[in-house]
Each structure stands twice: as structure tokens, then as C-alpha cells.
Amino acid sequence: MTWKIALFIGLIGVLMLILSTVLVRRGRAAAARRPINPQALQADVEAALDRDDLVGAVKRYREHTGAGLVQAKEAVDRIARDRR
């Protein structure tokens, strides 16, 4: 009986993981279809960099562009380097 409960809880966990992955990918796909406003993107990223919030800058870049984490980090690093 105990192993059935453990199996059930494990299956629920796997289903939740699959669902969250699908929802995240769907959100990124929707963000990628939105037109990018370069001025708003630049302003949001620079505002976060002004606050020394690198993580926030990467997050804003990803929200605006739908880019992956590595691509967004590299882009924000370039923006920060160009500002110096």
C-alpha cells in the first residue's frame, strides 16, 4: 500500500514538471511572436543595469525578445559593455 502512495505522488510530480515545461515554452513562443519595441527594450535593460540588477536586466531582455537565458545574458553583457 505504501509503495502505491509513493508511486502516485511521484507520478503527480512528473505530471507537474511536464505541465510547467509546456507552459513556459508556450509563454516564450508567445513572447517571440510579439513585435519587439527596441526603445522599450533598451530602456528596461538600462534601467535594470542602472540599479546594478544584472539578473533583472536579463529577465527584461528575455521578456521582450523571447530569447534563451544564454543569448539574453550575452546581449545584456554587450549592452553593459557598450555603456562604459
PDB file of N, CA and C in Angstrom:
ATOM      1  N   MET A   1       0.818  -1.192   0.000  1.00  0.00           N
ATOM      2  CA  MET A   1       0.000   0.000   0.000  1.00  0.00           C
ATOM      3  C   MET A   1       0.863   1.258   0.000  1.00  0.00           C
ATOM      4  N   THR A   2       1.940   1.274   0.793  1.00  0.00           N
ATOM      5  CA  THR A   2       2.803   2.445   0.886  1.00  0.00           C
ATOM      6  C   THR A   2       3.489   2.737  -0.445  1.00  0.00           C
ATOM      7  N   TRP A   3       3.904   1.697  -1.145  1.00  0.00           N
ATOM      8  CA  TRP A   3       4.576   1.920  -2.419  1.00  0.00           C
ATOM      9  C   TRP A   3       3.615   2.501  -3.448  1.00  0.00           C
ATOM     10  N   LYS A   4       2.327   2.184  -3.338  1.00  0.00           N
ATOM     11  CA  LYS A   4       1.339   2.749  -4.262  1.00  0.00           C
ATOM     12  C   LYS A   4       1.191   4.249  -4.038  1.00  0.00           C
ATOM     13  N   ILE A   5       1.221   4.656  -2.789  1.00  0.00           N
ATOM     14  CA  ILE A   5       1.127   6.084  -2.474  1.00  0.00           C
ATOM     15  C   ILE A   5       2.365   6.807  -2.995  1.00  0.00           C
ATOM     16  N   ALA A   6       3.539   6.220  -2.775  1.00  0.00           N
ATOM     17  CA  ALA A   6       4.779   6.828  -3.258  1.00  0.00           C
ATOM     18  C   ALA A   6       4.777   6.923  -4.778  1.00  0.00           C
ATOM     19  N   LEU A   7       4.303   5.890  -5.447  1.00  0.00           N
ATOM     20  CA  LEU A   7       4.218   5.902  -6.901  1.00  0.00           C
ATOM     21  C   LEU A   7       3.257   6.981  -7.381  1.00  0.00           C
ATOM     22  N   PHE A   8       2.124   7.102  -6.720  1.00  0.00           N
ATOM     23  CA  PHE A   8       1.134   8.115  -7.082  1.00  0.00           C
ATOM     24  C   PHE A   8       1.713   9.519  -6.918  1.00  0.00           C
ATOM     25  N   ILE A   9       2.387   9.768  -5.808  1.00  0.00           N
ATOM     26  CA  ILE A   9       2.994  11.081  -5.570  1.00  0.00           C
ATOM     27  C   ILE A   9       4.073  11.357  -6.614  1.00  0.00           C
ATOM     28  N   GLY A  10       4.855  10.353  -6.958  1.00  0.00           N
ATOM     29  CA  GLY A  10       5.881  10.514  -7.992  1.00  0.00           C
ATOM     30  C   GLY A  10       5.275  10.849  -9.342  1.00  0.00           C
ATOM     31  N   LEU A  11       4.187  10.184  -9.693  1.00  0.00           N
ATOM     32  CA  LEU A  11       3.519  10.469 -10.965  1.00  0.00           C
ATOM     33  C   LEU A  11       2.954  11.885 -10.996  1.00  0.00           C
ATOM     34  N   ILE A  12       2.399  12.329  -9.883  1.00  0.00           N
ATOM     35  CA  ILE A  12       1.887  13.699  -9.795  1.00  0.00           C
ATOM     36  C   ILE A  12       3.034  14.690 -10.021  1.00  0.00           C
ATOM     37  N   GLY A  13       4.183  14.429  -9.411  1.00  0.00           N
ATOM     38  CA  GLY A  13       5.350  15.297  -9.580  1.00  0.00           C
ATOM     39  C   GLY A  13       5.806  15.367 -11.025  1.00  0.00           C
ATOM     40  N   VAL A  14       5.863  14.227 -11.689  1.00  0.00           N
ATOM     41  CA  VAL A  14       6.270  14.188 -13.096  1.00  0.00           C
ATOM     42  C   VAL A  14       5.270  14.949 -13.960  1.00  0.00           C
ATOM     43  N   LEU A  15       3.994  14.765 -13.713  1.00  0.00           N
ATOM     44  CA  LEU A  15       2.974  15.483 -14.486  1.00  0.00           C
ATOM     45  C   LEU A  15       3.073  16.992 -14.276  1.00  0.00           C
ATOM     46  N   MET A  16       3.346  17.414 -13.047  1.00  0.00           N
ATOM     47  CA  MET A  16       3.500  18.846 -12.778  1.00  0.00           C
ATOM     48  C   MET A  16       4.722  19.406 -13.499  1.00  0.00           C
ATOM     49  N   LEU A  17       5.800  18.657 -13.539  1.00  0.00           N
ATOM     50  CA  LEU A  17       7.007  19.081 -14.239  1.00  0.00           C
ATOM     51  C   LEU A  17       6.742  19.225 -15.734  1.00  0.00           C
ATOM     52  N   ILE A  18       6.058  18.264 -16.314  1.00  0.00           N
ATOM     53  CA  ILE A  18       5.724  18.326 -17.740  1.00  0.00           C
ATOM     54  C   ILE A  18       4.826  19.521 -18.025  1.00  0.00           C
ATOM     55  N   LEU A  19       3.821  19.736 -17.209  1.00  0.00           N
ATOM     56  CA  LEU A  19       2.908  20.858 -17.401  1.00  0.00           C
ATOM     57  C   LEU A  19       3.632  22.192 -17.298  1.00  0.00           C
ATOM     58  N   SER A  20       4.509  22.339 -16.315  1.00  0.00           N
ATOM     59  CA  SER A  20       5.225  23.608 -16.171  1.00  0.00           C
ATOM     60  C   SER A  20       6.147  23.853 -17.360  1.00  0.00           C
ATOM     61  N   THR A  21       6.776  22.810 -17.874  1.00  0.00           N
ATOM     62  CA  THR A  21       7.639  22.958 -19.049  1.00  0.00           C
ATOM     63  C   THR A  21       6.832  23.408 -20.257  1.00  0.00           C
ATOM     64  N   VAL A  22       5.686  22.813 -20.461  1.00  0.00           N
ATOM     65  CA  VAL A  22       4.826  23.190 -21.588  1.00  0.00           C
ATOM     66  C   VAL A  22       4.383  24.640 -21.463  1.00  0.00           C
ATOM     67  N   LEU A  23       3.986  25.055 -20.278  1.00  0.00           N
ATOM     68  CA  LEU A  23       3.521  26.430 -20.081  1.00  0.00           C
ATOM     69  C   LEU A  23       4.639  27.442 -20.281  1.00  0.00           C
ATOM     70  N   VAL A  24       5.841  27.132 -19.822  1.00  0.00           N
ATOM     71  CA  VAL A  24       6.975  28.041 -20.014  1.00  0.00           C
ATOM     72  C   VAL A  24       7.295  28.168 -21.494  1.00  0.00           C
ATOM     73  N   ARG A  25       7.323  27.058 -22.202  1.00  0.00           N
ATOM     74  CA  ARG A  25       7.618  27.114 -23.639  1.00  0.00           C
ATOM     75  C   ARG A  25       6.534  27.863 -24.403  1.00  0.00           C
ATOM     76  N   ARG A  26       5.293  27.684 -24.009  1.00  0.00           N
ATOM     77  CA  ARG A  26       4.195  28.390 -24.658  1.00  0.00           C
ATOM     78  C   ARG A  26       4.339  29.900 -24.436  1.00  0.00           C
ATOM     79  N   GLY A  27       4.724  30.288 -23.236  1.00  0.00           N
ATOM     80  CA  GLY A  27       4.931  31.702 -22.931  1.00  0.00           C
ATOM     81  C   GLY A  27       6.073  32.295 -23.731  1.00  0.00           C
ATOM     82  N   ARG A  28       7.163  31.560 -23.881  1.00  0.00           N
ATOM     83  CA  ARG A  28       8.291  32.049 -24.678  1.00  0.00           C
ATOM     84  C   ARG A  28       7.912  32.157 -26.149  1.00  0.00           C
ATOM     85  N   ALA A  29       7.138  31.202 -26.639  1.00  0.00           N
ATOM     86  CA  ALA A  29       6.714  31.255 -28.035  1.00  0.00           C
ATOM     87  C   ALA A  29       5.827  32.467 -28.270  1.00  0.00           C
ATOM     88  N   ALA A  30       4.958  32.772 -27.320  1.00  0.00           N
ATOM     89  CA  ALA A  30       4.098  33.954 -27.448  1.00  0.00           C
ATOM     90  C   ALA A  30       4.936  35.222 -27.413  1.00  0.00           C
ATOM     91  N   ALA A  31       5.955  35.250 -26.564  1.00  0.00           N
ATOM     92  CA  ALA A  31       6.829  36.425 -26.491  1.00  0.00           C
ATOM     93  C   ALA A  31       7.609  36.591 -27.789  1.00  0.00           C
ATOM     94  N   ALA A  32       7.999  35.489 -28.399  1.00  0.00           N
ATOM     95  CA  ALA A  32       8.758  35.564 -29.644  1.00  0.00           C
ATOM     96  C   ALA A  32       7.894  36.076 -30.795  1.00  0.00           C
ATOM     97  N   ARG A  33       6.587  35.866 -30.726  1.00  0.00           N
ATOM     98  CA  ARG A  33       5.701  36.333 -31.795  1.00  0.00           C
ATOM     99  C   ARG A  33       5.358  37.810 -31.672  1.00  0.00           C
ATOM    100  N   ARG A  34       5.535  38.370 -30.466  1.00  0.00           N
ATOM    101  CA  ARG A  34       5.229  39.786 -30.268  1.00  0.00           C
ATOM    102  C   ARG A  34       6.268  40.633 -30.975  1.00  0.00           C
ATOM    103  N   PRO A  35       5.838  41.755 -31.548  1.00  0.00           N
ATOM    104  CA  PRO A  35       6.835  42.654 -32.135  1.00  0.00           C
ATOM    105  C   PRO A  35       7.688  43.276 -31.029  1.00  0.00           C
ATOM    106  N   ILE A  36       8.962  43.409 -31.302  1.00  0.00           N
ATOM    107  CA  ILE A  36       9.888  43.959 -30.319  1.00  0.00           C
ATOM    108  C   ILE A  36       9.953  45.470 -30.484  1.00  0.00           C
ATOM    109  N   ASN A  37       9.803  46.188 -29.382  1.00  0.00           N
ATOM    110  CA  ASN A  37       9.958  47.635 -29.367  1.00  0.00           C
ATOM    111  C   ASN A  37      11.376  47.918 -28.872  1.00  0.00           C
ATOM    112  N   PRO A  38      12.307  48.264 -29.784  1.00  0.00           N
ATOM    113  CA  PRO A  38      13.710  48.420 -29.384  1.00  0.00           C
ATOM    114  C   PRO A  38      13.925  49.489 -28.310  1.00  0.00           C
ATOM    115  N   GLN A  39      13.145  50.568 -28.378  1.00  0.00           N
ATOM    116  CA  GLN A  39      13.320  51.635 -27.390  1.00  0.00           C
ATOM    117  C   GLN A  39      12.913  51.155 -25.997  1.00  0.00           C
ATOM    118  N   ALA A  40      11.796  50.449 -25.912  1.00  0.00           N
ATOM    119  CA  ALA A  40      11.341  49.939 -24.617  1.00  0.00           C
ATOM    120  C   ALA A  40      12.312  48.887 -24.082  1.00  0.00           C
ATOM    121  N   LEU A  41      12.806  48.034 -24.965  1.00  0.00           N
ATOM    122  CA  LEU A  41      13.780  47.018 -24.571  1.00  0.00           C
ATOM    123  C   LEU A  41      15.024  47.680 -23.996  1.00  0.00           C
ATOM    124  N   GLN A  42      15.571  48.640 -24.727  1.00  0.00           N
ATOM    125  CA  GLN A  42      16.781  49.334 -24.282  1.00  0.00           C
ATOM    126  C   GLN A  42      16.542  50.040 -22.947  1.00  0.00           C
ATOM    127  N   ALA A  43      15.402  50.720 -22.827  1.00  0.00           N
ATOM    128  CA  ALA A  43      15.098  51.457 -21.597  1.00  0.00           C
ATOM    129  C   ALA A  43      14.966  50.519 -20.398  1.00  0.00           C
ATOM    130  N   ASP A  44      14.268  49.402 -20.572  1.00  0.00           N
ATOM    131  CA  ASP A  44      14.088  48.454 -19.467  1.00  0.00           C
ATOM    132  C   ASP A  44      15.414  47.833 -19.035  1.00  0.00           C
ATOM    133  N   VAL A  45      16.218  47.428 -20.009  1.00  0.00           N
ATOM    134  CA  VAL A  45      17.502  46.799 -19.693  1.00  0.00           C
ATOM    135  C   VAL A  45      18.428  47.809 -19.020  1.00  0.00           C
ATOM    136  N   GLU A  46      18.497  49.024 -19.560  1.00  0.00           N
ATOM    137  CA  GLU A  46      19.380  50.032 -18.971  1.00  0.00           C
ATOM    138  C   GLU A  46      18.917  50.444 -17.577  1.00  0.00           C
ATOM    139  N   ALA A  47      17.612  50.503 -17.356  1.00  0.00           N
ATOM    140  CA  ALA A  47      17.103  50.839 -16.019  1.00  0.00           C
ATOM    141  C   ALA A  47      17.535  49.779 -15.009  1.00  0.00           C
ATOM    142  N   ALA A  48      17.462  48.525 -15.398  1.00  0.00           N
ATOM    143  CA  ALA A  48      17.900  47.451 -14.502  1.00  0.00           C
ATOM    144  C   ALA A  48      19.409  47.524 -14.273  1.00  0.00           C
ATOM    145  N   LEU A  49      20.167  47.814 -15.324  1.00  0.00           N
ATOM    146  CA  LEU A  49      21.617  47.932 -15.173  1.00  0.00           C
ATOM    147  C   LEU A  49      21.980  49.121 -14.290  1.00  0.00           C
ATOM    148  N   ASP A  50      21.220  50.206 -14.379  1.00  0.00           N
ATOM    149  CA  ASP A  50      21.459  51.371 -13.517  1.00  0.00           C
ATOM    150  C   ASP A  50      21.295  51.010 -12.045  1.00  0.00           C
ATOM    151  N   ARG A  51      20.420  50.053 -11.767  1.00  0.00           N
ATOM    152  CA  ARG A  51      20.200  49.590 -10.386  1.00  0.00           C
ATOM    153  C   ARG A  51      21.173  48.468 -10.009  1.00  0.00           C
ATOM    154  N   ASP A  52      22.141  48.191 -10.889  1.00  0.00           N
ATOM    155  CA  ASP A  52      23.078  47.072 -10.699  1.00  0.00           C
ATOM    156  C   ASP A  52      22.338  45.750 -10.551  1.00  0.00           C
ATOM    157  N   ASP A  53      21.260  45.597 -11.312  1.00  0.00           N
ATOM    158  CA  ASP A  53      20.423  44.398 -11.273  1.00  0.00           C
ATOM    159  C   ASP A  53      20.608  43.619 -12.577  1.00  0.00           C
ATOM    160  N   LEU A  54      21.723  42.888 -12.655  1.00  0.00           N
ATOM    161  CA  LEU A  54      22.031  42.137 -13.869  1.00  0.00           C
ATOM    162  C   LEU A  54      20.984  41.064 -14.144  1.00  0.00           C
ATOM    163  N   VAL A  55      20.542  40.389 -13.102  1.00  0.00           N
ATOM    164  CA  VAL A  55      19.530  39.343 -13.267  1.00  0.00           C
ATOM    165  C   VAL A  55      18.233  39.951 -13.797  1.00  0.00           C
ATOM    166  N   GLY A  56      17.846  41.098 -13.263  1.00  0.00           N
ATOM    167  CA  GLY A  56      16.644  41.787 -13.735  1.00  0.00           C
ATOM    168  C   GLY A  56      16.773  42.229 -15.180  1.00  0.00           C
ATOM    169  N   ALA A  57      17.972  42.684 -15.562  1.00  0.00           N
ATOM    170  CA  ALA A  57      18.203  43.110 -16.945  1.00  0.00           C
ATOM    171  C   ALA A  57      18.052  41.929 -17.900  1.00  0.00           C
ATOM    172  N   VAL A  58      18.603  40.792 -17.511  1.00  0.00           N
ATOM    173  CA  VAL A  58      18.483  39.586 -18.348  1.00  0.00           C
ATOM    174  C   VAL A  58      17.020  39.163 -18.432  1.00  0.00           C
ATOM    175  N   LYS A  59      16.322  39.235 -17.317  1.00  0.00           N
ATOM    176  CA  LYS A  59      14.903  38.866 -17.303  1.00  0.00           C
ATOM    177  C   LYS A  59      14.099  39.774 -18.228  1.00  0.00           C
ATOM    178  N   ARG A  60      14.339  41.079 -18.151  1.00  0.00           N
ATOM    179  CA  ARG A  60      13.619  42.022 -19.020  1.00  0.00           C
ATOM    180  C   ARG A  60      13.928  41.743 -20.491  1.00  0.00           C
ATOM    181  N   TYR A  61      15.194  41.460 -20.792  1.00  0.00           N
ATOM    182  CA  TYR A  61      15.575  41.158 -22.177  1.00  0.00           C
ATOM    183  C   TYR A  61      14.821  39.926 -22.667  1.00  0.00           C
ATOM    184  N   ARG A  62      14.753  38.906 -21.831  1.00  0.00           N
ATOM    185  CA  ARG A  62      14.053  37.681 -22.219  1.00  0.00           C
ATOM    186  C   ARG A  62      12.563  37.921 -22.405  1.00  0.00           C
ATOM    187  N   GLU A  63      11.969  38.755 -21.538  1.00  0.00           N
ATOM    188  CA  GLU A  63      10.541  39.056 -21.663  1.00  0.00           C
ATOM    189  C   GLU A  63      10.244  39.779 -22.968  1.00  0.00           C
ATOM    190  N   HIS A  64      11.111  40.702 -23.350  1.00  0.00           N
ATOM    191  CA  HIS A  64      10.887  41.480 -24.565  1.00  0.00           C
ATOM    192  C   HIS A  64      11.131  40.668 -25.833  1.00  0.00           C
ATOM    193  N   THR A  65      12.133  39.782 -25.796  1.00  0.00           N
ATOM    194  CA  THR A  65      12.565  39.122 -27.026  1.00  0.00           C
ATOM    195  C   THR A  65      12.196  37.651 -27.125  1.00  0.00           C
ATOM    196  N   GLY A  66      11.942  37.004 -25.995  1.00  0.00           N
ATOM    197  CA  GLY A  66      11.714  35.566 -26.015  1.00  0.00           C
ATOM    198  C   GLY A  66      13.005  34.776 -26.158  1.00  0.00           C
ATOM    199  N   ALA A  67      14.145  35.444 -25.952  1.00  0.00           N
ATOM    200  CA  ALA A  67      15.452  34.802 -26.093  1.00  0.00           C
ATOM    201  C   ALA A  67      15.688  33.811 -24.959  1.00  0.00           C
ATOM    202  N   GLY A  68      16.594  32.890 -25.200  1.00  0.00           N
ATOM    203  CA  GLY A  68      17.001  31.954 -24.167  1.00  0.00           C
ATOM    204  C   GLY A  68      17.909  32.635 -23.155  1.00  0.00           C
ATOM    205  N   LEU A  69      18.206  31.930 -22.078  1.00  0.00           N
ATOM    206  CA  LEU A  69      18.987  32.511 -20.991  1.00  0.00           C
ATOM    207  C   LEU A  69      20.394  32.913 -21.439  1.00  0.00           C
ATOM    208  N   VAL A  70      21.088  32.035 -22.130  1.00  0.00           N
ATOM    209  CA  VAL A  70      22.462  32.325 -22.548  1.00  0.00           C
ATOM    210  C   VAL A  70      22.483  33.482 -23.544  1.00  0.00           C
ATOM    211  N   GLN A  71      21.588  33.455 -24.512  1.00  0.00           N
ATOM    212  CA  GLN A  71      21.529  34.521 -25.508  1.00  0.00           C
ATOM    213  C   GLN A  71      21.218  35.862 -24.844  1.00  0.00           C
ATOM    214  N   ALA A  72      20.289  35.877 -23.904  1.00  0.00           N
ATOM    215  CA  ALA A  72      19.927  37.118 -23.216  1.00  0.00           C
ATOM    216  C   ALA A  72      21.087  37.627 -22.369  1.00  0.00           C
ATOM    217  N   LYS A  73      21.777  36.733 -21.672  1.00  0.00           N
ATOM    218  CA  LYS A  73      22.923  37.132 -20.838  1.00  0.00           C
ATOM    219  C   LYS A  73      24.009  37.753 -21.694  1.00  0.00           C
ATOM    220  N   GLU A  74      24.307  37.149 -22.838  1.00  0.00           N
ATOM    221  CA  GLU A  74      25.330  37.694 -23.734  1.00  0.00           C
ATOM    222  C   GLU A  74      24.923  39.063 -24.264  1.00  0.00           C
ATOM    223  N   ALA A  75      23.658  39.225 -24.616  1.00  0.00           N
ATOM    224  CA  ALA A  75      23.178  40.506 -25.132  1.00  0.00           C
ATOM    225  C   ALA A  75      23.249  41.589 -24.061  1.00  0.00           C
ATOM    226  N   VAL A  76      22.851  41.261 -22.844  1.00  0.00           N
ATOM    227  CA  VAL A  76      22.900  42.240 -21.749  1.00  0.00           C
ATOM    228  C   VAL A  76      24.351  42.585 -21.428  1.00  0.00           C
ATOM    229  N   ASP A  77      25.239  41.608 -21.476  1.00  0.00           N
ATOM    230  CA  ASP A  77      26.662  41.894 -21.260  1.00  0.00           C
ATOM    231  C   ASP A  77      27.186  42.864 -22.316  1.00  0.00           C
ATOM    232  N   ARG A  78      26.769  42.683 -23.568  1.00  0.00           N
ATOM    233  CA  ARG A  78      27.185  43.609 -24.641  1.00  0.00           C
ATOM    234  C   ARG A  78      26.647  45.013 -24.383  1.00  0.00           C
ATOM    235  N   ILE A  79      25.381  45.093 -23.986  1.00  0.00           N
ATOM    236  CA  ILE A  79      24.778  46.403 -23.705  1.00  0.00           C
ATOM    237  C   ILE A  79      25.530  47.084 -22.564  1.00  0.00           C
ATOM    238  N   ALA A  80      25.827  46.344 -21.510  1.00  0.00           N
ATOM    239  CA  ALA A  80      26.546  46.908 -20.362  1.00  0.00           C
ATOM    240  C   ALA A  80      27.950  47.349 -20.766  1.00  0.00           C
ATOM    241  N   ARG A  81      28.621  46.555 -21.581  1.00  0.00           N
ATOM    242  CA  ARG A  81      29.973  46.891 -22.035  1.00  0.00           C
ATOM    243  C   ARG A  81      29.956  48.143 -22.908  1.00  0.00           C
ATOM    244  N   ASP A  82      28.958  48.264 -23.778  1.00  0.00           N
ATOM    245  CA  ASP A  82      28.863  49.428 -24.666  1.00  0.00           C
ATOM    246  C   ASP A  82      28.540  50.707 -23.907  1.00  0.00           C
ATOM    247  N   ARG A  83      27.944  50.587 -22.745  1.00  0.00           N
ATOM    248  CA  ARG A  83      27.592  51.768 -21.943  1.00  0.00           C
ATOM    249  C   ARG A  83      28.796  52.367 -21.251  1.00  0.00           C
ATOM    250  N   ARG A  84      29.857  51.609 -21.102  1.00  0.00           N
ATOM    251  CA  ARG A  84      31.046  52.093 -20.372  1.00  0.00           C
ATOM    252  C   ARG A  84      31.804  53.112 -21.160  1.00  0.00           C
TER     253      ARG A  84
END
